[in-house]
Every structure is written in structure tokens, then in C-alpha cells.
Amino acid sequence: MQTTLASSQMTVVRPQGHINAANAPEFGRQLTVAMSSDRKAVVLVDMEQVESLDSAGLMVLVSALTQAQTQNQHFGLSCVSPSIRIIFELTQLDRVFEIFASRAAFEAAIGC
């Protein structure tokens, strides 16, 4: 369902396909593991290959953001398609999440 890439500075999680009630718990577990491994200070969820996102998937991302804030980690989303971005806008979560057009834009914003 996803690929996780870790460098000395950052962990990048790349979910694929549909994030919905059927697989959201597993996605949440994978995100938690990725965020807690080696306590990386920067976590990016690259959503380029995500086809759809339902409320369960959205809640996993909100939980991950909360966990990142608790652990004093920088957490961001990148490559969010227009059809998924509208979900963030309708729920006003685009004001809560840092959403970047690309991984390079994220890295430039945080100084990686």
C-alpha cells in the first residue's frame, strides 16, 4: 500500500491507491511506525499516487499530524491531487496541514 523512504533528515511516506475505511487502520499503523522509527524530526506524506481519500483516511492523517506535533516533528503533505485537495478545503483542514506542490517545495520550505 505504501513506500517509506528514510534519510538522515526526513522520512517520506508514499501511500498508493485508495485510502478508505478498509485499509485506513493499516495505513495508520504504518504511519505511526514510520514516524516513530529513529524519531525523525521531519515527516512528509507524498500523496502523488493516492487515488481517493475517505473520512477514515482523513482521520488517519489528522491523527498522524497530532502525533507529529506531540513529538515536535515537522509534518507535511505533498503532491495532493485537486480532487483530494478539495476534501481538505471543504473540511478546512487545508488551514491545519502544510500542503506543498512537491517534495522539493516542502524541502525548500523547511530548509532540508
PDB file of N, CA and C in Angstrom:
ATOM      1  N   MET A   1       0.803  -1.201   0.000  1.00  0.00           N
ATOM      2  CA  MET A   1       0.000   0.000   0.000  1.00  0.00           C
ATOM      3  C   MET A   1       0.844   1.262   0.000  1.00  0.00           C
ATOM      4  N   GLN A   2       2.039   1.178   0.559  1.00  0.00           N
ATOM      5  CA  GLN A   2       2.836   2.392   0.630  1.00  0.00           C
ATOM      6  C   GLN A   2       4.306   2.069   0.605  1.00  0.00           C
ATOM      7  N   THR A   3       5.091   3.090   0.344  1.00  0.00           N
ATOM      8  CA  THR A   3       6.537   3.011   0.385  1.00  0.00           C
ATOM      9  C   THR A   3       7.000   4.031   1.408  1.00  0.00           C
ATOM     10  N   THR A   4       7.979   3.656   2.204  1.00  0.00           N
ATOM     11  CA  THR A   4       8.547   4.587   3.165  1.00  0.00           C
ATOM     12  C   THR A   4      10.023   4.746   2.862  1.00  0.00           C
ATOM     13  N   LEU A   5      10.461   5.973   2.711  1.00  0.00           N
ATOM     14  CA  LEU A   5      11.856   6.282   2.463  1.00  0.00           C
ATOM     15  C   LEU A   5      12.378   7.099   3.632  1.00  0.00           C
ATOM     16  N   ALA A   6      13.494   6.688   4.166  1.00  0.00           N
ATOM     17  CA  ALA A   6      14.053   7.418   5.305  1.00  0.00           C
ATOM     18  C   ALA A   6      15.469   7.864   4.970  1.00  0.00           C
ATOM     19  N   SER A   7      15.761   9.089   5.269  1.00  0.00           N
ATOM     20  CA  SER A   7      17.121   9.599   5.163  1.00  0.00           C
ATOM     21  C   SER A   7      17.521  10.053   6.559  1.00  0.00           C
ATOM     22  N   SER A   8      18.701  10.590   6.667  1.00  0.00           N
ATOM     23  CA  SER A   8      19.137  11.026   7.993  1.00  0.00           C
ATOM     24  C   SER A   8      18.304  12.203   8.491  1.00  0.00           C
ATOM     25  N   GLN A   9      17.671  12.948   7.567  1.00  0.00           N
ATOM     26  CA  GLN A   9      16.944  14.139   7.960  1.00  0.00           C
ATOM     27  C   GLN A   9      15.430  13.975   7.921  1.00  0.00           C
ATOM     28  N   MET A  10      14.928  13.071   7.088  1.00  0.00           N
ATOM     29  CA  MET A  10      13.495  13.071   6.829  1.00  0.00           C
ATOM     30  C   MET A  10      12.987  11.665   6.509  1.00  0.00           C
ATOM     31  N   THR A  11      11.717  11.446   6.850  1.00  0.00           N
ATOM     32  CA  THR A  11      11.006  10.234   6.463  1.00  0.00           C
ATOM     33  C   THR A  11       9.917  10.634   5.480  1.00  0.00           C
ATOM     34  N   VAL A  12       9.881   9.962   4.320  1.00  0.00           N
ATOM     35  CA  VAL A  12       8.859  10.210   3.308  1.00  0.00           C
ATOM     36  C   VAL A  12       7.989   8.961   3.210  1.00  0.00           C
ATOM     37  N   VAL A  13       6.692   9.143   3.384  1.00  0.00           N
ATOM     38  CA  VAL A  13       5.727   8.050   3.276  1.00  0.00           C
ATOM     39  C   VAL A  13       4.939   8.276   2.000  1.00  0.00           C
ATOM     40  N   ARG A  14       4.844   7.243   1.161  1.00  0.00           N
ATOM     41  CA  ARG A  14       4.161   7.347  -0.130  1.00  0.00           C
ATOM     42  C   ARG A  14       3.014   6.348  -0.220  1.00  0.00           C
ATOM     43  N   PRO A  15       1.843   6.701   0.262  1.00  0.00           N
ATOM     44  CA  PRO A  15       0.700   5.799   0.127  1.00  0.00           C
ATOM     45  C   PRO A  15       0.271   5.703  -1.338  1.00  0.00           C
ATOM     46  N   GLN A  16      -0.391   4.595  -1.671  1.00  0.00           N
ATOM     47  CA  GLN A  16      -0.826   4.381  -3.047  1.00  0.00           C
ATOM     48  C   GLN A  16      -2.272   3.928  -3.083  1.00  0.00           C
ATOM     49  N   GLY A  17      -2.955   4.284  -4.148  1.00  0.00           N
ATOM     50  CA  GLY A  17      -4.313   3.799  -4.368  1.00  0.00           C
ATOM     51  C   GLY A  17      -5.354   4.533  -3.552  1.00  0.00           C
ATOM     52  N   HIS A  18      -6.258   3.746  -2.992  1.00  0.00           N
ATOM     53  CA  HIS A  18      -7.380   4.292  -2.235  1.00  0.00           C
ATOM     54  C   HIS A  18      -7.088   4.182  -0.742  1.00  0.00           C
ATOM     55  N   ILE A  19      -7.289   5.271  -0.030  1.00  0.00           N
ATOM     56  CA  ILE A  19      -7.171   5.246   1.434  1.00  0.00           C
ATOM     57  C   ILE A  19      -8.590   5.383   1.953  1.00  0.00           C
ATOM     58  N   ASN A  20      -9.099   4.276   2.478  1.00  0.00           N
ATOM     59  CA  ASN A  20     -10.505   4.247   2.895  1.00  0.00           C
ATOM     60  C   ASN A  20     -10.659   3.430   4.172  1.00  0.00           C
ATOM     61  N   ALA A  21     -11.896   3.230   4.595  1.00  0.00           N
ATOM     62  CA  ALA A  21     -12.174   2.527   5.851  1.00  0.00           C
ATOM     63  C   ALA A  21     -11.587   1.124   5.863  1.00  0.00           C
ATOM     64  N   ALA A  22     -11.482   0.507   4.702  1.00  0.00           N
ATOM     65  CA  ALA A  22     -10.958  -0.862   4.640  1.00  0.00           C
ATOM     66  C   ALA A  22      -9.475  -0.942   4.973  1.00  0.00           C
ATOM     67  N   ASN A  23      -8.709   0.065   4.591  1.00  0.00           N
ATOM     68  CA  ASN A  23      -7.264  -0.006   4.823  1.00  0.00           C
ATOM     69  C   ASN A  23      -6.713   1.119   5.697  1.00  0.00           C
ATOM     70  N   ALA A  24      -7.559   2.012   6.163  1.00  0.00           N
ATOM     71  CA  ALA A  24      -7.100   3.129   6.994  1.00  0.00           C
ATOM     72  C   ALA A  24      -6.396   2.676   8.278  1.00  0.00           C
ATOM     73  N   PRO A  25      -6.905   1.643   8.982  1.00  0.00           N
ATOM     74  CA  PRO A  25      -6.185   1.232  10.198  1.00  0.00           C
ATOM     75  C   PRO A  25      -4.746   0.776   9.910  1.00  0.00           C
ATOM     76  N   GLU A  26      -4.561   0.049   8.823  1.00  0.00           N
ATOM     77  CA  GLU A  26      -3.209  -0.396   8.461  1.00  0.00           C
ATOM     78  C   GLU A  26      -2.343   0.790   8.053  1.00  0.00           C
ATOM     79  N   PHE A  27      -2.903   1.726   7.292  1.00  0.00           N
ATOM     80  CA  PHE A  27      -2.181   2.937   6.913  1.00  0.00           C
ATOM     81  C   PHE A  27      -1.767   3.705   8.169  1.00  0.00           C
ATOM     82  N   GLY A  28      -2.672   3.800   9.137  1.00  0.00           N
ATOM     83  CA  GLY A  28      -2.364   4.473  10.396  1.00  0.00           C
ATOM     84  C   GLY A  28      -1.221   3.808  11.141  1.00  0.00           C
ATOM     85  N   ARG A  29      -1.228   2.480  11.186  1.00  0.00           N
ATOM     86  CA  ARG A  29      -0.136   1.755  11.845  1.00  0.00           C
ATOM     87  C   ARG A  29       1.188   1.994  11.134  1.00  0.00           C
ATOM     88  N   GLN A  30       1.150   1.966   9.802  1.00  0.00           N
ATOM     89  CA  GLN A  30       2.378   2.182   9.033  1.00  0.00           C
ATOM     90  C   GLN A  30       2.913   3.604   9.228  1.00  0.00           C
ATOM     91  N   LEU A  31       2.020   4.566   9.288  1.00  0.00           N
ATOM     92  CA  LEU A  31       2.442   5.946   9.533  1.00  0.00           C
ATOM     93  C   LEU A  31       3.047   6.095  10.927  1.00  0.00           C
ATOM     94  N   THR A  32       2.417   5.476  11.909  1.00  0.00           N
ATOM     95  CA  THR A  32       2.923   5.551  13.279  1.00  0.00           C
ATOM     96  C   THR A  32       4.320   4.954  13.370  1.00  0.00           C
ATOM     97  N   VAL A  33       4.521   3.809  12.740  1.00  0.00           N
ATOM     98  CA  VAL A  33       5.845   3.171  12.742  1.00  0.00           C
ATOM     99  C   VAL A  33       6.859   4.069  12.044  1.00  0.00           C
ATOM    100  N   ALA A  34       6.484   4.612  10.899  1.00  0.00           N
ATOM    101  CA  ALA A  34       7.404   5.485  10.156  1.00  0.00           C
ATOM    102  C   ALA A  34       7.772   6.721  10.962  1.00  0.00           C
ATOM    103  N   MET A  35       6.809   7.252  11.690  1.00  0.00           N
ATOM    104  CA  MET A  35       7.066   8.462  12.463  1.00  0.00           C
ATOM    105  C   MET A  35       7.868   8.185  13.717  1.00  0.00           C
ATOM    106  N   SER A  36       7.750   6.979  14.272  1.00  0.00           N
ATOM    107  CA  SER A  36       8.478   6.710  15.497  1.00  0.00           C
ATOM    108  C   SER A  36       9.844   6.089  15.255  1.00  0.00           C
ATOM    109  N   SER A  37      10.085   5.588  14.046  1.00  0.00           N
ATOM    110  CA  SER A  37      11.389   4.990  13.790  1.00  0.00           C
ATOM    111  C   SER A  37      12.462   6.062  13.781  1.00  0.00           C
ATOM    112  N   ASP A  38      13.399   5.891  14.632  1.00  0.00           N
ATOM    113  CA  ASP A  38      14.543   6.797  14.757  1.00  0.00           C
ATOM    114  C   ASP A  38      14.170   8.240  15.085  1.00  0.00           C
ATOM    115  N   ARG A  39      12.911   8.483  15.390  1.00  0.00           N
ATOM    116  CA  ARG A  39      12.474   9.826  15.793  1.00  0.00           C
ATOM    117  C   ARG A  39      12.926  10.909  14.808  1.00  0.00           C
ATOM    118  N   LYS A  40      12.653  10.684  13.539  1.00  0.00           N
ATOM    119  CA  LYS A  40      12.972  11.702  12.532  1.00  0.00           C
ATOM    120  C   LYS A  40      12.219  12.982  12.861  1.00  0.00           C
ATOM    121  N   ALA A  41      12.863  14.112  12.665  1.00  0.00           N
ATOM    122  CA  ALA A  41      12.241  15.388  13.003  1.00  0.00           C
ATOM    123  C   ALA A  41      11.329  15.893  11.888  1.00  0.00           C
ATOM    124  N   VAL A  42      11.420  15.284  10.704  1.00  0.00           N
ATOM    125  CA  VAL A  42      10.657  15.747   9.551  1.00  0.00           C
ATOM    126  C   VAL A  42       9.965  14.557   8.897  1.00  0.00           C
ATOM    127  N   VAL A  43       8.652  14.676   8.708  1.00  0.00           N
ATOM    128  CA  VAL A  43       7.869  13.613   8.082  1.00  0.00           C
ATOM    129  C   VAL A  43       7.044  14.232   6.952  1.00  0.00           C
ATOM    130  N   LEU A  44       7.132  13.625   5.766  1.00  0.00           N
ATOM    131  CA  LEU A  44       6.379  14.083   4.603  1.00  0.00           C
ATOM    132  C   LEU A  44       5.545  12.923   4.076  1.00  0.00           C
ATOM    133  N   VAL A  45       4.252  13.175   3.845  1.00  0.00           N
ATOM    134  CA  VAL A  45       3.392  12.189   3.196  1.00  0.00           C
ATOM    135  C   VAL A  45       3.223  12.658   1.759  1.00  0.00           C
ATOM    136  N   ASP A  46       3.849  11.922   0.834  1.00  0.00           N
ATOM    137  CA  ASP A  46       3.787  12.225  -0.598  1.00  0.00           C
ATOM    138  C   ASP A  46       2.557  11.519  -1.156  1.00  0.00           C
ATOM    139  N   MET A  47       1.546  12.285  -1.514  1.00  0.00           N
ATOM    140  CA  MET A  47       0.255  11.721  -1.912  1.00  0.00           C
ATOM    141  C   MET A  47       0.076  11.650  -3.429  1.00  0.00           C
ATOM    142  N   GLU A  48       1.162  11.673  -4.155  1.00  0.00           N
ATOM    143  CA  GLU A  48       1.092  11.673  -5.616  1.00  0.00           C
ATOM    144  C   GLU A  48       0.339  10.469  -6.171  1.00  0.00           C
ATOM    145  N   GLN A  49       0.447   9.305  -5.540  1.00  0.00           N
ATOM    146  CA  GLN A  49      -0.171   8.095  -6.068  1.00  0.00           C
ATOM    147  C   GLN A  49      -1.466   7.719  -5.355  1.00  0.00           C
ATOM    148  N   VAL A  50      -2.019   8.640  -4.566  1.00  0.00           N
ATOM    149  CA  VAL A  50      -3.285   8.388  -3.881  1.00  0.00           C
ATOM    150  C   VAL A  50      -4.425   8.736  -4.828  1.00  0.00           C
ATOM    151  N   GLU A  51      -5.302   7.777  -5.071  1.00  0.00           N
ATOM    152  CA  GLU A  51      -6.422   7.970  -5.999  1.00  0.00           C
ATOM    153  C   GLU A  51      -7.663   8.522  -5.309  1.00  0.00           C
ATOM    154  N   SER A  52      -7.899   8.123  -4.070  1.00  0.00           N
ATOM    155  CA  SER A  52      -9.052   8.621  -3.331  1.00  0.00           C
ATOM    156  C   SER A  52      -8.776   8.571  -1.839  1.00  0.00           C
ATOM    157  N   LEU A  53      -9.532   9.378  -1.115  1.00  0.00           N
ATOM    158  CA  LEU A  53      -9.368   9.504   0.333  1.00  0.00           C
ATOM    159  C   LEU A  53     -10.749   9.691   0.931  1.00  0.00           C
ATOM    160  N   ASP A  54     -11.118   8.819   1.874  1.00  0.00           N
ATOM    161  CA  ASP A  54     -12.413   8.997   2.541  1.00  0.00           C
ATOM    162  C   ASP A  54     -12.188   9.533   3.950  1.00  0.00           C
ATOM    163  N   SER A  55     -13.272   9.630   4.718  1.00  0.00           N
ATOM    164  CA  SER A  55     -13.176  10.222   6.055  1.00  0.00           C
ATOM    165  C   SER A  55     -12.271   9.414   6.977  1.00  0.00           C
ATOM    166  N   ALA A  56     -12.242   8.104   6.818  1.00  0.00           N
ATOM    167  CA  ALA A  56     -11.361   7.278   7.656  1.00  0.00           C
ATOM    168  C   ALA A  56      -9.894   7.581   7.343  1.00  0.00           C
ATOM    169  N   GLY A  57      -9.571   7.723   6.074  1.00  0.00           N
ATOM    170  CA  GLY A  57      -8.213   8.077   5.684  1.00  0.00           C
ATOM    171  C   GLY A  57      -7.828   9.463   6.159  1.00  0.00           C
ATOM    172  N   LEU A  58      -8.780  10.374   6.079  1.00  0.00           N
ATOM    173  CA  LEU A  58      -8.546  11.740   6.548  1.00  0.00           C
ATOM    174  C   LEU A  58      -8.261  11.746   8.050  1.00  0.00           C
ATOM    175  N   MET A  59      -8.995  10.947   8.787  1.00  0.00           N
ATOM    176  CA  MET A  59      -8.780  10.880  10.246  1.00  0.00           C
ATOM    177  C   MET A  59      -7.402  10.297  10.579  1.00  0.00           C
ATOM    178  N   VAL A  60      -6.926   9.363   9.769  1.00  0.00           N
ATOM    179  CA  VAL A  60      -5.578   8.825   9.981  1.00  0.00           C
ATOM    180  C   VAL A  60      -4.547   9.940   9.823  1.00  0.00           C
ATOM    181  N   LEU A  61      -4.729  10.780   8.810  1.00  0.00           N
ATOM    182  CA  LEU A  61      -3.799  11.886   8.606  1.00  0.00           C
ATOM    183  C   LEU A  61      -3.877  12.907   9.744  1.00  0.00           C
ATOM    184  N   VAL A  62      -5.079  13.182  10.232  1.00  0.00           N
ATOM    185  CA  VAL A  62      -5.232  14.099  11.371  1.00  0.00           C
ATOM    186  C   VAL A  62      -4.542  13.519  12.603  1.00  0.00           C
ATOM    187  N   SER A  63      -4.718  12.231  12.843  1.00  0.00           N
ATOM    188  CA  SER A  63      -4.054  11.576  13.984  1.00  0.00           C
ATOM    189  C   SER A  63      -2.541  11.632  13.843  1.00  0.00           C
ATOM    190  N   ALA A  64      -2.045  11.417  12.625  1.00  0.00           N
ATOM    191  CA  ALA A  64      -0.603  11.469  12.395  1.00  0.00           C
ATOM    192  C   ALA A  64      -0.065  12.875  12.628  1.00  0.00           C
ATOM    193  N   LEU A  65      -0.813  13.879  12.189  1.00  0.00           N
ATOM    194  CA  LEU A  65      -0.406  15.267  12.427  1.00  0.00           C
ATOM    195  C   LEU A  65      -0.345  15.554  13.922  1.00  0.00           C
ATOM    196  N   THR A  66      -1.344  15.094  14.662  1.00  0.00           N
ATOM    197  CA  THR A  66      -1.366  15.280  16.114  1.00  0.00           C
ATOM    198  C   THR A  66      -0.170  14.597  16.764  1.00  0.00           C
ATOM    199  N   GLN A  67       0.123  13.371  16.317  1.00  0.00           N
ATOM    200  CA  GLN A  67       1.276  12.645  16.848  1.00  0.00           C
ATOM    201  C   GLN A  67       2.566  13.403  16.545  1.00  0.00           C
ATOM    202  N   ALA A  68       2.698  13.904  15.333  1.00  0.00           N
ATOM    203  CA  ALA A  68       3.898  14.649  14.952  1.00  0.00           C
ATOM    204  C   ALA A  68       4.066  15.897  15.815  1.00  0.00           C
ATOM    205  N   GLN A  69       2.976  16.600  16.050  1.00  0.00           N
ATOM    206  CA  GLN A  69       3.044  17.801  16.879  1.00  0.00           C
ATOM    207  C   GLN A  69       3.438  17.451  18.306  1.00  0.00           C
ATOM    208  N   THR A  70       2.911  16.348  18.818  1.00  0.00           N
ATOM    209  CA  THR A  70       3.247  15.900  20.169  1.00  0.00           C
ATOM    210  C   THR A  70       4.728  15.560  20.272  1.00  0.00           C
ATOM    211  N   GLN A  71       5.276  14.974  19.204  1.00  0.00           N
ATOM    212  CA  GLN A  71       6.685  14.567  19.192  1.00  0.00           C
ATOM    213  C   GLN A  71       7.604  15.675  18.675  1.00  0.00           C
ATOM    214  N   ASN A  72       7.035  16.862  18.469  1.00  0.00           N
ATOM    215  CA  ASN A  72       7.802  18.009  17.981  1.00  0.00           C
ATOM    216  C   ASN A  72       8.450  17.721  16.629  1.00  0.00           C
ATOM    217  N   GLN A  73       7.686  17.064  15.748  1.00  0.00           N
ATOM    218  CA  GLN A  73       8.148  16.767  14.403  1.00  0.00           C
ATOM    219  C   GLN A  73       7.478  17.716  13.419  1.00  0.00           C
ATOM    220  N   HIS A  74       8.157  17.969  12.335  1.00  0.00           N
ATOM    221  CA  HIS A  74       7.578  18.751  11.238  1.00  0.00           C
ATOM    222  C   HIS A  74       6.849  17.761  10.335  1.00  0.00           C
ATOM    223  N   PHE A  75       5.571  18.016  10.028  1.00  0.00           N
ATOM    224  CA  PHE A  75       4.735  17.093   9.256  1.00  0.00           C
ATOM    225  C   PHE A  75       4.101  17.849   8.099  1.00  0.00           C
ATOM    226  N   GLY A  76       4.213  17.292   6.903  1.00  0.00           N
ATOM    227  CA  GLY A  76       3.618  17.948   5.745  1.00  0.00           C
ATOM    228  C   GLY A  76       3.091  16.953   4.738  1.00  0.00           C
ATOM    229  N   LEU A  77       2.285  17.454   3.821  1.00  0.00           N
ATOM    230  CA  LEU A  77       1.734  16.670   2.719  1.00  0.00           C
ATOM    231  C   LEU A  77       2.230  17.279   1.421  1.00  0.00           C
ATOM    232  N   SER A  78       2.478  16.439   0.430  1.00  0.00           N
ATOM    233  CA  SER A  78       2.867  16.967  -0.877  1.00  0.00           C
ATOM    234  C   SER A  78       2.134  16.221  -1.982  1.00  0.00           C
ATOM    235  N   CYS A  79       2.124  16.844  -3.154  1.00  0.00           N
ATOM    236  CA  CYS A  79       1.561  16.246  -4.368  1.00  0.00           C
ATOM    237  C   CYS A  79       0.111  15.809  -4.194  1.00  0.00           C
ATOM    238  N   VAL A  80      -0.681  16.622  -3.534  1.00  0.00           N
ATOM    239  CA  VAL A  80      -2.095  16.315  -3.317  1.00  0.00           C
ATOM    240  C   VAL A  80      -2.857  16.698  -4.591  1.00  0.00           C
ATOM    241  N   SER A  81      -3.552  15.733  -5.172  1.00  0.00           N
ATOM    242  CA  SER A  81      -4.291  15.995  -6.412  1.00  0.00           C
ATOM    243  C   SER A  81      -5.449  16.959  -6.147  1.00  0.00           C
ATOM    244  N   PRO A  82      -5.903  17.647  -7.177  1.00  0.00           N
ATOM    245  CA  PRO A  82      -7.015  18.588  -6.994  1.00  0.00           C
ATOM    246  C   PRO A  82      -8.279  17.918  -6.432  1.00  0.00           C
ATOM    247  N   SER A  83      -8.564  16.685  -6.850  1.00  0.00           N
ATOM    248  CA  SER A  83      -9.768  16.013  -6.354  1.00  0.00           C
ATOM    249  C   SER A  83      -9.669  15.659  -4.870  1.00  0.00           C
ATOM    250  N   ILE A  84      -8.468  15.452  -4.373  1.00  0.00           N
ATOM    251  CA  ILE A  84      -8.285  15.171  -2.949  1.00  0.00           C
ATOM    252  C   ILE A  84      -8.103  16.471  -2.169  1.00  0.00           C
ATOM    253  N   ARG A  85      -7.465  17.432  -2.781  1.00  0.00           N
ATOM    254  CA  ARG A  85      -7.270  18.724  -2.100  1.00  0.00           C
ATOM    255  C   ARG A  85      -8.611  19.356  -1.731  1.00  0.00           C
ATOM    256  N   ILE A  86      -9.620  19.167  -2.564  1.00  0.00           N
ATOM    257  CA  ILE A  86     -10.930  19.757  -2.270  1.00  0.00           C
ATOM    258  C   ILE A  86     -11.505  19.198  -0.969  1.00  0.00           C
ATOM    259  N   ILE A  87     -11.159  17.966  -0.633  1.00  0.00           N
ATOM    260  CA  ILE A  87     -11.595  17.380   0.646  1.00  0.00           C
ATOM    261  C   ILE A  87     -10.995  18.189   1.799  1.00  0.00           C
ATOM    262  N   PHE A  88      -9.722  18.523   1.678  1.00  0.00           N
ATOM    263  CA  PHE A  88      -9.066  19.328   2.713  1.00  0.00           C
ATOM    264  C   PHE A  88      -9.681  20.722   2.788  1.00  0.00           C
ATOM    265  N   GLU A  89     -10.022  21.282   1.645  1.00  0.00           N
ATOM    266  CA  GLU A  89     -10.615  22.621   1.622  1.00  0.00           C
ATOM    267  C   GLU A  89     -12.023  22.627   2.204  1.00  0.00           C
ATOM    268  N   LEU A  90     -12.834  21.633   1.833  1.00  0.00           N
ATOM    269  CA  LEU A  90     -14.210  21.573   2.345  1.00  0.00           C
ATOM    270  C   LEU A  90     -14.255  21.374   3.857  1.00  0.00           C
ATOM    271  N   THR A  91     -13.296  20.630   4.386  1.00  0.00           N
ATOM    272  CA  THR A  91     -13.244  20.386   5.832  1.00  0.00           C
ATOM    273  C   THR A  91     -12.408  21.444   6.554  1.00  0.00           C
ATOM    274  N   GLN A  92     -11.875  22.375   5.796  1.00  0.00           N
ATOM    275  CA  GLN A  92     -10.999  23.438   6.280  1.00  0.00           C
ATOM    276  C   GLN A  92      -9.711  22.905   6.908  1.00  0.00           C
ATOM    277  N   LEU A  93      -9.370  21.674   6.588  1.00  0.00           N
ATOM    278  CA  LEU A  93      -8.116  21.106   7.079  1.00  0.00           C
ATOM    279  C   LEU A  93      -6.923  21.611   6.274  1.00  0.00           C
ATOM    280  N   ASP A  94      -7.179  22.278   5.154  1.00  0.00           N
ATOM    281  CA  ASP A  94      -6.080  22.897   4.423  1.00  0.00           C
ATOM    282  C   ASP A  94      -5.454  24.024   5.246  1.00  0.00           C
ATOM    283  N   ARG A  95      -6.166  24.483   6.256  1.00  0.00           N
ATOM    284  CA  ARG A  95      -5.640  25.505   7.167  1.00  0.00           C
ATOM    285  C   ARG A  95      -4.810  24.891   8.287  1.00  0.00           C
ATOM    286  N   VAL A  96      -4.960  23.588   8.474  1.00  0.00           N
ATOM    287  CA  VAL A  96      -4.269  22.890   9.553  1.00  0.00           C
ATOM    288  C   VAL A  96      -3.010  22.201   9.039  1.00  0.00           C
ATOM    289  N   PHE A  97      -3.123  21.542   7.895  1.00  0.00           N
ATOM    290  CA  PHE A  97      -1.994  20.834   7.302  1.00  0.00           C
ATOM    291  C   PHE A  97      -1.153  21.789   6.466  1.00  0.00           C
ATOM    292  N   GLU A  98       0.133  21.517   6.422  1.00  0.00           N
ATOM    293  CA  GLU A  98       1.011  22.194   5.473  1.00  0.00           C
ATOM    294  C   GLU A  98       0.995  21.341   4.215  1.00  0.00           C
ATOM    295  N   ILE A  99       0.469  21.899   3.130  1.00  0.00           N
ATOM    296  CA  ILE A  99       0.332  21.166   1.878  1.00  0.00           C
ATOM    297  C   ILE A  99       1.221  21.836   0.833  1.00  0.00           C
ATOM    298  N   PHE A 100       2.097  21.030   0.228  1.00  0.00           N
ATOM    299  CA  PHE A 100       3.067  21.543  -0.731  1.00  0.00           C
ATOM    300  C   PHE A 100       2.848  20.904  -2.100  1.00  0.00           C
ATOM    301  N   ALA A 101       3.189  21.639  -3.142  1.00  0.00           N
ATOM    302  CA  ALA A 101       3.009  21.153  -4.510  1.00  0.00           C
ATOM    303  C   ALA A 101       3.930  19.980  -4.823  1.00  0.00           C
ATOM    304  N   SER A 102       5.093  19.948  -4.186  1.00  0.00           N
ATOM    305  CA  SER A 102       6.069  18.894  -4.477  1.00  0.00           C
ATOM    306  C   SER A 102       6.959  18.644  -3.259  1.00  0.00           C
ATOM    307  N   ARG A 103       7.703  17.571  -3.337  1.00  0.00           N
ATOM    308  CA  ARG A 103       8.653  17.278  -2.272  1.00  0.00           C
ATOM    309  C   ARG A 103       9.733  18.365  -2.214  1.00  0.00           C
ATOM    310  N   ALA A 104      10.152  18.832  -3.377  1.00  0.00           N
ATOM    311  CA  ALA A 104      11.179  19.893  -3.433  1.00  0.00           C
ATOM    312  C   ALA A 104      10.680  21.167  -2.752  1.00  0.00           C
ATOM    313  N   ALA A 105       9.405  21.507  -2.958  1.00  0.00           N
ATOM    314  CA  ALA A 105       8.841  22.699  -2.306  1.00  0.00           C
ATOM    315  C   ALA A 105       8.813  22.515  -0.785  1.00  0.00           C
ATOM    316  N   PHE A 106       8.495  21.316  -0.318  1.00  0.00           N
ATOM    317  CA  PHE A 106       8.499  21.014   1.109  1.00  0.00           C
ATOM    318  C   PHE A 106       9.914  21.181   1.672  1.00  0.00           C
ATOM    319  N   GLU A 107      10.877  20.564   0.985  1.00  0.00           N
ATOM    320  CA  GLU A 107      12.274  20.635   1.448  1.00  0.00           C
ATOM    321  C   GLU A 107      12.783  22.077   1.470  1.00  0.00           C
ATOM    322  N   ALA A 108      12.406  22.856   0.466  1.00  0.00           N
ATOM    323  CA  ALA A 108      12.822  24.262   0.437  1.00  0.00           C
ATOM    324  C   ALA A 108      12.198  25.043   1.584  1.00  0.00           C
ATOM    325  N   ALA A 109      10.949  24.749   1.902  1.00  0.00           N
ATOM    326  CA  ALA A 109      10.247  25.479   2.962  1.00  0.00           C
ATOM    327  C   ALA A 109      10.834  25.194   4.341  1.00  0.00           C
ATOM    328  N   ILE A 110      11.297  23.964   4.551  1.00  0.00           N
ATOM    329  CA  ILE A 110      11.817  23.621   5.875  1.00  0.00           C
ATOM    330  C   ILE A 110      13.341  23.681   5.947  1.00  0.00           C
ATOM    331  N   GLY A 111      13.980  23.903   4.805  1.00  0.00           N
ATOM    332  CA  GLY A 111      15.426  24.057   4.793  1.00  0.00           C
ATOM    333  C   GLY A 111      16.205  22.763   4.819  1.00  0.00           C
ATOM    334  N   CYS A 112      15.674  21.709   4.203  1.00  0.00           N
ATOM    335  CA  CYS A 112      16.405  20.428   4.109  1.00  0.00           C
ATOM    336  C   CYS A 112      17.421  20.487   3.003  1.00  0.00           C
TER     337      CYS A 112
END
